[in-house]
Amino acid sequence: MNWAYVAPIGMLLVSNVFMTFAWYGQLKFPGTPLWIVIPVSWGIAFFEYCLAIPATRIGATVYSAAQLKTMQEIITVSIFAVFSVFYLGDTLRWNHVMAFACVAAAGFFAFHKWD
């Protein structure tokens, strides 16, 4: 198997873990001042960029930009669903699952050949 098909998926999975913590991890610390939260989040996001940028560059050799973006959004929603339940203690309700399923359904349209 060509690693250019697989590497972007793995790299985007890990990068989205970093980005989810960068954006939403601070919600567990509502009393922390923004002047602390912002640079900490930037520091975490740095590692996201170190993976996401090469992932899209490698992925662009075998996927279209639309496919890469759709893939990234599906991964983001999947990572966020797990994060929100296990880290933030949120409850996923049926409407959240349906909204996430709609995003995942976008993958069908992005990757299906419509010749």
Protein backbone atom coordinates (compact mmCIF):
# COMPACT_ATOMS: atom_id res chain seq x y z
CA MET A 1 0.00 0.00 0.00
CA ASN A 2 1.18 3.50 -0.81
CA TRP A 3 2.06 5.27 2.47
CA ALA A 4 0.80 8.57 1.02
CA TYR A 5 -2.75 7.23 1.40
CA VAL A 6 -2.32 6.21 5.04
CA ALA A 7 0.17 8.69 6.54
CA PRO A 8 -2.12 11.74 6.22
CA ILE A 9 -4.92 9.94 8.04
CA GLY A 10 -2.68 8.99 10.98
CA MET A 11 -1.09 12.42 11.10
CA LEU A 12 -4.47 14.17 10.98
CA LEU A 13 -5.77 11.95 13.79
CA VAL A 14 -2.89 12.93 16.07
CA SER A 15 -2.92 16.59 15.00
CA ASN A 16 -6.63 16.83 15.78
CA VAL A 17 -6.05 15.53 19.29
CA PHE A 18 -3.62 18.41 19.81
CA MET A 19 -5.96 20.95 18.26
CA THR A 20 -8.96 19.77 20.26
CA PHE A 21 -6.98 20.22 23.46
CA ALA A 22 -5.72 23.61 22.24
CA TRP A 23 -9.23 24.87 21.56
CA TYR A 24 -11.37 23.11 24.15
CA GLY A 25 -9.03 21.84 26.87
CA GLN A 26 -9.15 25.20 28.59
CA LEU A 27 -12.87 24.75 29.27
CA LYS A 28 -11.95 22.63 32.30
CA PHE A 29 -10.16 25.68 33.74
CA PRO A 30 -12.70 28.52 33.51
CA GLY A 31 -10.94 30.52 36.21
CA THR A 32 -7.62 30.65 34.35
CA PRO A 33 -7.01 34.11 32.87
CA LEU A 34 -7.05 34.43 29.10
CA TRP A 35 -3.52 35.84 29.12
CA ILE A 36 -2.39 32.38 30.30
CA VAL A 37 -4.86 30.28 28.28
CA ILE A 38 -4.02 31.87 24.93
CA PRO A 39 -0.23 31.23 24.91
CA VAL A 40 -0.71 27.73 26.33
CA SER A 41 -3.23 26.99 23.58
CA TRP A 42 -0.84 28.38 20.96
CA GLY A 43 1.89 26.14 22.31
CA ILE A 44 -0.34 23.09 22.00
CA ALA A 45 -1.50 24.17 18.54
CA PHE A 46 2.12 24.36 17.38
CA PHE A 47 2.29 20.56 17.54
CA GLU A 48 -0.98 20.32 15.63
CA TYR A 49 0.53 22.39 12.83
CA CYS A 50 3.71 20.29 12.85
CA LEU A 51 1.54 17.32 11.88
CA ALA A 52 -1.32 18.88 9.91
CA ILE A 53 0.81 20.78 7.41
CA PRO A 54 2.90 17.75 6.36
CA ALA A 55 -0.26 15.61 6.38
CA THR A 56 -1.94 17.87 3.84
CA ARG A 57 1.20 18.17 1.74
CA ILE A 58 1.68 14.39 1.64
CA GLY A 59 -2.05 13.80 1.21
CA ALA A 60 -2.24 16.21 -1.72
CA THR A 61 -0.17 13.76 -3.74
CA VAL A 62 -3.02 11.23 -3.69
CA TYR A 63 -6.15 13.10 -2.55
CA SER A 64 -7.88 16.21 -3.84
CA ALA A 65 -8.06 19.27 -1.60
CA ALA A 66 -11.79 18.66 -1.13
CA GLN A 67 -11.13 15.06 -0.07
CA LEU A 68 -8.43 16.16 2.38
CA LYS A 69 -10.71 18.79 3.93
CA THR A 70 -13.61 16.37 4.21
CA MET A 71 -11.33 13.77 5.78
CA GLN A 72 -10.02 16.36 8.25
CA GLU A 73 -13.54 17.41 9.26
CA ILE A 74 -14.67 13.82 9.81
CA ILE A 75 -11.59 13.18 11.94
CA THR A 76 -12.15 16.43 13.86
CA VAL A 77 -15.76 15.56 14.69
CA SER A 78 -14.79 12.02 15.71
CA ILE A 79 -11.98 13.20 17.98
CA PHE A 80 -14.20 15.91 19.44
CA ALA A 81 -17.01 13.45 20.23
CA VAL A 82 -14.64 11.25 22.23
CA PHE A 83 -12.96 14.28 23.86
CA SER A 84 -16.23 15.90 24.91
CA VAL A 85 -17.46 12.74 26.61
CA PHE A 86 -14.26 11.55 28.28
CA TYR A 87 -12.47 14.83 29.02
CA LEU A 88 -15.23 17.40 29.39
CA GLY A 89 -17.83 14.98 30.76
CA ASP A 90 -20.47 16.02 28.24
CA THR A 91 -23.27 13.74 27.16
CA LEU A 92 -23.72 13.06 23.46
CA ARG A 93 -27.37 13.18 22.61
CA TRP A 94 -29.10 11.72 19.58
CA ASN A 95 -29.13 15.06 17.77
CA HIS A 96 -25.35 15.41 18.24
CA VAL A 97 -24.83 11.92 16.83
CA MET A 98 -27.06 12.74 13.86
CA ALA A 99 -25.17 15.98 13.21
CA PHE A 100 -21.85 14.12 13.34
CA ALA A 101 -23.28 11.43 11.03
CA CYS A 102 -24.15 14.13 8.48
CA VAL A 103 -20.54 15.29 8.50
CA ALA A 104 -19.39 11.70 8.08
CA ALA A 105 -21.82 11.26 5.19
CA ALA A 106 -19.94 14.05 3.43
CA GLY A 107 -17.13 11.54 3.04
CA PHE A 108 -19.27 9.48 0.71
CA PHE A 109 -19.84 12.42 -1.59
CA ALA A 110 -16.22 13.60 -1.45
CA PHE A 111 -14.73 10.19 -2.21
CA HIS A 112 -17.35 8.65 -4.52
CA LYS A 113 -16.49 8.70 -8.21
CA TRP A 114 -19.22 10.62 -10.06
CA ASP A 115 -17.95 10.18 -13.61
